[in-house]
Amino acid sequence: MPYAQVILASKESEWQGEVKGILYPNIHGSPPIDPLRLTATATEGRDAELNLEINHALYDAEAISKLLLEIQDSYYGLDVPPAPSFQRYLDYAAAIDTEAQAAFWHDQLHRAAP
């Protein structure tokens, strides 16, 4: 069954300070890691900076390009389109017959050597 790899709590931001999400600690007990950190800084006499640190599991080339374009458009005061709904994917994932899926892959791979 398809699944979402990371679920972040919704946080409101006015692009000040940091916006963070937390992943669960790994099996070795290390502290949680931030999969996403967005930091905006402005120092008098210098240009403002926007720093995006993001775990590679959260983006692909197309998604990061869209995100950076939306940040740029927002910076220049342009309209940013609303994000597409994730509901269609969730409905699809919830409707998958996991028993049939498991049986299919068992039939395909039961003779495969590790």
N, C-alpha and C. Protein backbone atom coordinates (compact mmCIF):
# COMPACT_ATOMS: atom_id res chain seq x y z
N MET A 1 0.85 -1.19 0.00
CA MET A 1 0.00 0.00 0.00
C MET A 1 0.88 1.24 0.00
N PRO A 2 0.63 2.20 -0.86
CA PRO A 2 1.39 3.45 -0.82
C PRO A 2 1.17 4.17 0.50
N TYR A 3 2.12 4.93 0.91
CA TYR A 3 1.98 5.66 2.16
C TYR A 3 2.76 6.96 2.10
N ALA A 4 2.39 7.87 2.95
CA ALA A 4 3.14 9.13 3.06
C ALA A 4 4.32 8.86 3.99
N GLN A 5 5.49 9.29 3.61
CA GLN A 5 6.69 9.00 4.37
C GLN A 5 6.81 9.87 5.62
N VAL A 6 6.36 11.10 5.53
CA VAL A 6 6.52 12.03 6.64
C VAL A 6 5.21 12.78 6.84
N ILE A 7 4.80 12.94 8.07
CA ILE A 7 3.62 13.73 8.38
C ILE A 7 4.06 14.83 9.33
N LEU A 8 3.88 16.06 8.92
CA LEU A 8 4.28 17.20 9.72
C LEU A 8 3.05 17.89 10.29
N ALA A 9 3.16 18.35 11.50
CA ALA A 9 2.07 19.13 12.08
C ALA A 9 1.96 20.43 11.30
N SER A 10 0.75 20.89 11.13
CA SER A 10 0.53 22.16 10.44
C SER A 10 0.97 23.30 11.34
N LYS A 11 1.74 24.20 10.78
CA LYS A 11 2.20 25.36 11.54
C LYS A 11 1.98 26.61 10.71
N GLU A 12 1.42 27.61 11.34
CA GLU A 12 1.25 28.89 10.67
C GLU A 12 2.57 29.66 10.75
N SER A 13 2.87 30.40 9.71
CA SER A 13 4.11 31.16 9.71
C SER A 13 3.90 32.48 8.99
N GLU A 14 4.55 33.50 9.48
CA GLU A 14 4.56 34.78 8.80
C GLU A 14 5.95 35.03 8.23
N TRP A 15 6.67 33.95 7.92
CA TRP A 15 8.01 34.01 7.37
C TRP A 15 8.98 34.72 8.29
N GLN A 16 8.77 34.53 9.58
CA GLN A 16 9.71 35.06 10.56
C GLN A 16 10.20 33.89 11.40
N GLY A 17 11.46 33.90 11.76
CA GLY A 17 11.98 32.81 12.57
C GLY A 17 12.10 31.53 11.76
N GLU A 18 11.80 30.41 12.40
CA GLU A 18 11.96 29.12 11.75
C GLU A 18 10.66 28.36 11.72
N VAL A 19 10.47 27.58 10.66
CA VAL A 19 9.36 26.65 10.55
C VAL A 19 10.00 25.27 10.55
N LYS A 20 9.61 24.41 11.49
CA LYS A 20 10.24 23.10 11.59
C LYS A 20 9.20 22.00 11.63
N GLY A 21 9.60 20.84 11.16
CA GLY A 21 8.84 19.62 11.33
C GLY A 21 9.76 18.62 12.01
N ILE A 22 9.22 17.64 12.68
CA ILE A 22 10.04 16.69 13.41
C ILE A 22 9.75 15.27 12.91
N LEU A 23 10.79 14.51 12.65
CA LEU A 23 10.65 13.09 12.36
C LEU A 23 10.88 12.30 13.64
N TYR A 24 10.33 11.12 13.70
CA TYR A 24 10.58 10.26 14.86
C TYR A 24 12.05 9.90 14.92
N PRO A 25 12.57 9.63 16.14
CA PRO A 25 13.98 9.21 16.23
C PRO A 25 14.17 7.88 15.50
N ASN A 26 15.38 7.62 15.04
CA ASN A 26 15.61 6.35 14.36
C ASN A 26 15.71 5.22 15.38
N ILE A 27 15.88 4.00 14.89
CA ILE A 27 15.85 2.84 15.78
C ILE A 27 17.03 2.81 16.75
N HIS A 28 18.07 3.58 16.50
CA HIS A 28 19.22 3.59 17.38
C HIS A 28 19.08 4.61 18.50
N GLY A 29 17.94 5.26 18.57
CA GLY A 29 17.68 6.18 19.67
C GLY A 29 18.29 7.56 19.52
N SER A 30 18.75 7.92 18.33
CA SER A 30 19.30 9.26 18.15
C SER A 30 18.17 10.28 18.25
N PRO A 31 18.49 11.53 18.52
CA PRO A 31 17.43 12.53 18.66
C PRO A 31 16.69 12.74 17.34
N PRO A 32 15.47 13.26 17.41
CA PRO A 32 14.71 13.54 16.19
C PRO A 32 15.48 14.50 15.28
N ILE A 33 15.23 14.38 13.98
CA ILE A 33 15.86 15.28 13.02
C ILE A 33 14.80 16.17 12.39
N ASP A 34 15.21 17.33 11.96
CA ASP A 34 14.30 18.25 11.29
C ASP A 34 14.31 17.95 9.81
N PRO A 35 13.20 17.45 9.25
CA PRO A 35 13.19 17.19 7.81
C PRO A 35 13.06 18.47 6.99
N LEU A 36 12.64 19.55 7.65
CA LEU A 36 12.44 20.81 6.95
C LEU A 36 12.76 21.96 7.89
N ARG A 37 13.59 22.86 7.44
CA ARG A 37 13.88 24.06 8.21
C ARG A 37 13.95 25.23 7.23
N LEU A 38 13.14 26.22 7.47
CA LEU A 38 13.10 27.42 6.64
C LEU A 38 13.41 28.60 7.56
N THR A 39 14.50 29.28 7.30
CA THR A 39 14.93 30.37 8.15
C THR A 39 15.06 31.65 7.33
N ALA A 40 14.40 32.69 7.78
CA ALA A 40 14.53 34.00 7.14
C ALA A 40 15.28 34.92 8.10
N THR A 41 16.32 35.58 7.60
CA THR A 41 17.09 36.50 8.44
C THR A 41 17.25 37.82 7.70
N ALA A 42 17.23 38.87 8.46
CA ALA A 42 17.47 40.21 7.90
C ALA A 42 18.33 40.96 8.91
N THR A 43 19.45 41.44 8.44
CA THR A 43 20.36 42.20 9.28
C THR A 43 20.48 43.60 8.70
N GLU A 44 20.45 44.59 9.58
CA GLU A 44 20.54 45.97 9.11
C GLU A 44 21.81 46.17 8.29
N GLY A 45 21.65 46.77 7.13
CA GLY A 45 22.79 47.03 6.26
C GLY A 45 23.14 45.87 5.33
N ARG A 46 22.40 44.77 5.44
CA ARG A 46 22.65 43.62 4.56
C ARG A 46 21.34 43.18 3.92
N ASP A 47 21.46 42.42 2.85
CA ASP A 47 20.28 41.86 2.21
C ASP A 47 19.67 40.80 3.11
N ALA A 48 18.36 40.62 2.99
CA ALA A 48 17.68 39.54 3.69
C ALA A 48 18.07 38.22 3.05
N GLU A 49 18.08 37.17 3.86
CA GLU A 49 18.41 35.85 3.35
C GLU A 49 17.32 34.86 3.74
N LEU A 50 17.05 33.94 2.86
CA LEU A 50 16.11 32.86 3.11
C LEU A 50 16.87 31.57 2.92
N ASN A 51 16.96 30.77 3.96
CA ASN A 51 17.71 29.52 3.92
C ASN A 51 16.75 28.36 4.05
N LEU A 52 16.75 27.45 3.10
CA LEU A 52 15.90 26.27 3.11
C LEU A 52 16.78 25.04 3.25
N GLU A 53 16.56 24.31 4.34
CA GLU A 53 17.23 23.02 4.53
C GLU A 53 16.12 21.97 4.52
N ILE A 54 16.24 20.99 3.63
CA ILE A 54 15.16 20.03 3.48
C ILE A 54 15.74 18.64 3.23
N ASN A 55 15.16 17.65 3.91
CA ASN A 55 15.59 16.27 3.76
C ASN A 55 15.25 15.79 2.35
N HIS A 56 16.17 15.08 1.73
CA HIS A 56 15.98 14.64 0.35
C HIS A 56 14.76 13.74 0.18
N ALA A 57 14.25 13.16 1.25
CA ALA A 57 13.07 12.30 1.16
C ALA A 57 11.79 13.11 0.92
N LEU A 58 11.85 14.42 1.08
CA LEU A 58 10.65 15.25 0.99
C LEU A 58 10.48 15.94 -0.36
N TYR A 59 11.40 15.78 -1.29
CA TYR A 59 11.27 16.51 -2.55
C TYR A 59 11.89 15.72 -3.69
N ASP A 60 11.52 16.12 -4.88
CA ASP A 60 12.20 15.65 -6.09
C ASP A 60 12.52 16.89 -6.92
N ALA A 61 13.14 16.72 -8.05
CA ALA A 61 13.58 17.87 -8.85
C ALA A 61 12.42 18.77 -9.24
N GLU A 62 11.29 18.17 -9.63
CA GLU A 62 10.15 18.98 -10.04
C GLU A 62 9.55 19.72 -8.85
N ALA A 63 9.40 19.03 -7.74
CA ALA A 63 8.79 19.65 -6.57
C ALA A 63 9.63 20.80 -6.04
N ILE A 64 10.95 20.61 -5.97
CA ILE A 64 11.80 21.68 -5.43
C ILE A 64 11.80 22.88 -6.38
N SER A 65 11.74 22.63 -7.70
CA SER A 65 11.67 23.74 -8.66
C SER A 65 10.39 24.55 -8.45
N LYS A 66 9.26 23.84 -8.27
CA LYS A 66 7.99 24.53 -8.04
C LYS A 66 8.03 25.31 -6.74
N LEU A 67 8.59 24.70 -5.69
CA LEU A 67 8.67 25.37 -4.39
C LEU A 67 9.49 26.65 -4.48
N LEU A 68 10.65 26.58 -5.12
CA LEU A 68 11.50 27.76 -5.23
C LEU A 68 10.84 28.85 -6.07
N LEU A 69 10.12 28.45 -7.13
CA LEU A 69 9.39 29.43 -7.94
C LEU A 69 8.29 30.09 -7.12
N GLU A 70 7.57 29.31 -6.31
CA GLU A 70 6.52 29.88 -5.48
C GLU A 70 7.09 30.84 -4.43
N ILE A 71 8.24 30.50 -3.86
CA ILE A 71 8.89 31.40 -2.90
C ILE A 71 9.28 32.69 -3.60
N GLN A 72 9.84 32.58 -4.80
CA GLN A 72 10.24 33.76 -5.56
C GLN A 72 9.02 34.61 -5.91
N ASP A 73 7.95 33.99 -6.40
CA ASP A 73 6.74 34.73 -6.75
C ASP A 73 6.17 35.44 -5.52
N SER A 74 6.15 34.74 -4.39
CA SER A 74 5.64 35.34 -3.16
C SER A 74 6.50 36.54 -2.76
N TYR A 75 7.81 36.40 -2.89
CA TYR A 75 8.74 37.49 -2.55
C TYR A 75 8.44 38.73 -3.40
N TYR A 76 8.14 38.54 -4.68
CA TYR A 76 7.86 39.65 -5.56
C TYR A 76 6.40 40.09 -5.54
N GLY A 77 5.61 39.52 -4.63
CA GLY A 77 4.21 39.93 -4.47
C GLY A 77 3.27 39.38 -5.52
N LEU A 78 3.69 38.36 -6.23
CA LEU A 78 2.83 37.75 -7.24
C LEU A 78 1.91 36.72 -6.59
N ASP A 79 0.80 36.43 -7.24
CA ASP A 79 -0.12 35.43 -6.72
C ASP A 79 0.50 34.05 -6.82
N VAL A 80 0.35 33.27 -5.77
CA VAL A 80 0.82 31.89 -5.75
C VAL A 80 -0.43 31.01 -5.77
N PRO A 81 -0.52 30.09 -6.74
CA PRO A 81 -1.73 29.26 -6.82
C PRO A 81 -1.85 28.37 -5.59
N PRO A 82 -3.08 28.01 -5.23
CA PRO A 82 -3.26 27.11 -4.09
C PRO A 82 -2.66 25.74 -4.39
N ALA A 83 -2.22 25.06 -3.35
CA ALA A 83 -1.66 23.72 -3.52
C ALA A 83 -2.75 22.76 -3.97
N PRO A 84 -2.40 21.79 -4.80
CA PRO A 84 -3.41 20.81 -5.21
C PRO A 84 -3.84 19.96 -4.03
N SER A 85 -5.05 19.43 -4.12
CA SER A 85 -5.58 18.58 -3.06
C SER A 85 -4.88 17.23 -3.07
N PHE A 86 -4.61 16.72 -1.90
CA PHE A 86 -4.00 15.41 -1.73
C PHE A 86 -5.07 14.33 -1.58
N GLN A 87 -6.34 14.75 -1.55
CA GLN A 87 -7.44 13.83 -1.26
C GLN A 87 -7.57 12.71 -2.29
N ARG A 88 -7.34 13.00 -3.57
CA ARG A 88 -7.46 11.97 -4.60
C ARG A 88 -6.47 10.83 -4.36
N TYR A 89 -5.25 11.19 -3.99
CA TYR A 89 -4.24 10.17 -3.68
C TYR A 89 -4.64 9.38 -2.44
N LEU A 90 -5.12 10.06 -1.41
CA LEU A 90 -5.54 9.37 -0.19
C LEU A 90 -6.68 8.40 -0.46
N ASP A 91 -7.64 8.81 -1.28
CA ASP A 91 -8.75 7.94 -1.64
C ASP A 91 -8.25 6.70 -2.39
N TYR A 92 -7.30 6.92 -3.32
CA TYR A 92 -6.72 5.82 -4.07
C TYR A 92 -6.00 4.84 -3.13
N ALA A 93 -5.18 5.37 -2.24
CA ALA A 93 -4.40 4.53 -1.33
C ALA A 93 -5.32 3.74 -0.40
N ALA A 94 -6.38 4.36 0.07
CA ALA A 94 -7.31 3.68 0.98
C ALA A 94 -8.10 2.60 0.28
N ALA A 95 -8.28 2.69 -1.04
CA ALA A 95 -9.09 1.73 -1.79
C ALA A 95 -8.30 0.52 -2.28
N ILE A 96 -7.00 0.51 -2.09
CA ILE A 96 -6.17 -0.58 -2.60
C ILE A 96 -6.49 -1.87 -1.85
N ASP A 97 -6.65 -2.94 -2.60
CA ASP A 97 -6.88 -4.27 -2.02
C ASP A 97 -5.51 -4.84 -1.65
N THR A 98 -5.10 -4.66 -0.43
CA THR A 98 -3.75 -5.05 -0.02
C THR A 98 -3.55 -6.57 -0.03
N GLU A 99 -4.62 -7.33 0.22
CA GLU A 99 -4.48 -8.79 0.19
C GLU A 99 -4.21 -9.26 -1.24
N ALA A 100 -4.94 -8.71 -2.21
CA ALA A 100 -4.70 -9.07 -3.61
C ALA A 100 -3.32 -8.61 -4.05
N GLN A 101 -2.91 -7.45 -3.59
CA GLN A 101 -1.59 -6.92 -3.94
C GLN A 101 -0.49 -7.83 -3.38
N ALA A 102 -0.63 -8.24 -2.12
CA ALA A 102 0.35 -9.13 -1.50
C ALA A 102 0.40 -10.48 -2.22
N ALA A 103 -0.77 -11.01 -2.60
CA ALA A 103 -0.81 -12.29 -3.32
C ALA A 103 -0.13 -12.17 -4.68
N PHE A 104 -0.35 -11.05 -5.38
CA PHE A 104 0.29 -10.84 -6.68
C PHE A 104 1.81 -10.86 -6.54
N TRP A 105 2.34 -10.10 -5.60
CA TRP A 105 3.79 -10.02 -5.45
C TRP A 105 4.37 -11.32 -4.92
N HIS A 106 3.63 -12.03 -4.10
CA HIS A 106 4.10 -13.35 -3.67
C HIS A 106 4.24 -14.27 -4.87
N ASP A 107 3.21 -14.28 -5.74
CA ASP A 107 3.28 -15.11 -6.95
C ASP A 107 4.44 -14.71 -7.84
N GLN A 108 4.71 -13.43 -7.93
CA GLN A 108 5.79 -12.95 -8.81
C GLN A 108 7.18 -13.24 -8.24
N LEU A 109 7.32 -13.21 -6.92
CA LEU A 109 8.66 -13.23 -6.32
C LEU A 109 8.97 -14.45 -5.47
N HIS A 110 8.05 -15.38 -5.32
CA HIS A 110 8.28 -16.46 -4.37
C HIS A 110 9.47 -17.35 -4.74
N ARG A 111 9.88 -17.37 -5.98
CA ARG A 111 11.04 -18.17 -6.39
C ARG A 111 12.33 -17.32 -6.47
N ALA A 112 12.23 -16.06 -6.23
CA ALA A 112 13.40 -15.19 -6.36
C ALA A 112 14.38 -15.45 -5.21
N ALA A 113 15.66 -15.47 -5.55
CA ALA A 113 16.71 -15.62 -4.53
C ALA A 113 17.02 -14.26 -3.91
N PRO A 114 17.28 -14.29 -2.62
CA PRO A 114 17.62 -13.00 -1.96
C PRO A 114 18.93 -12.41 -2.46
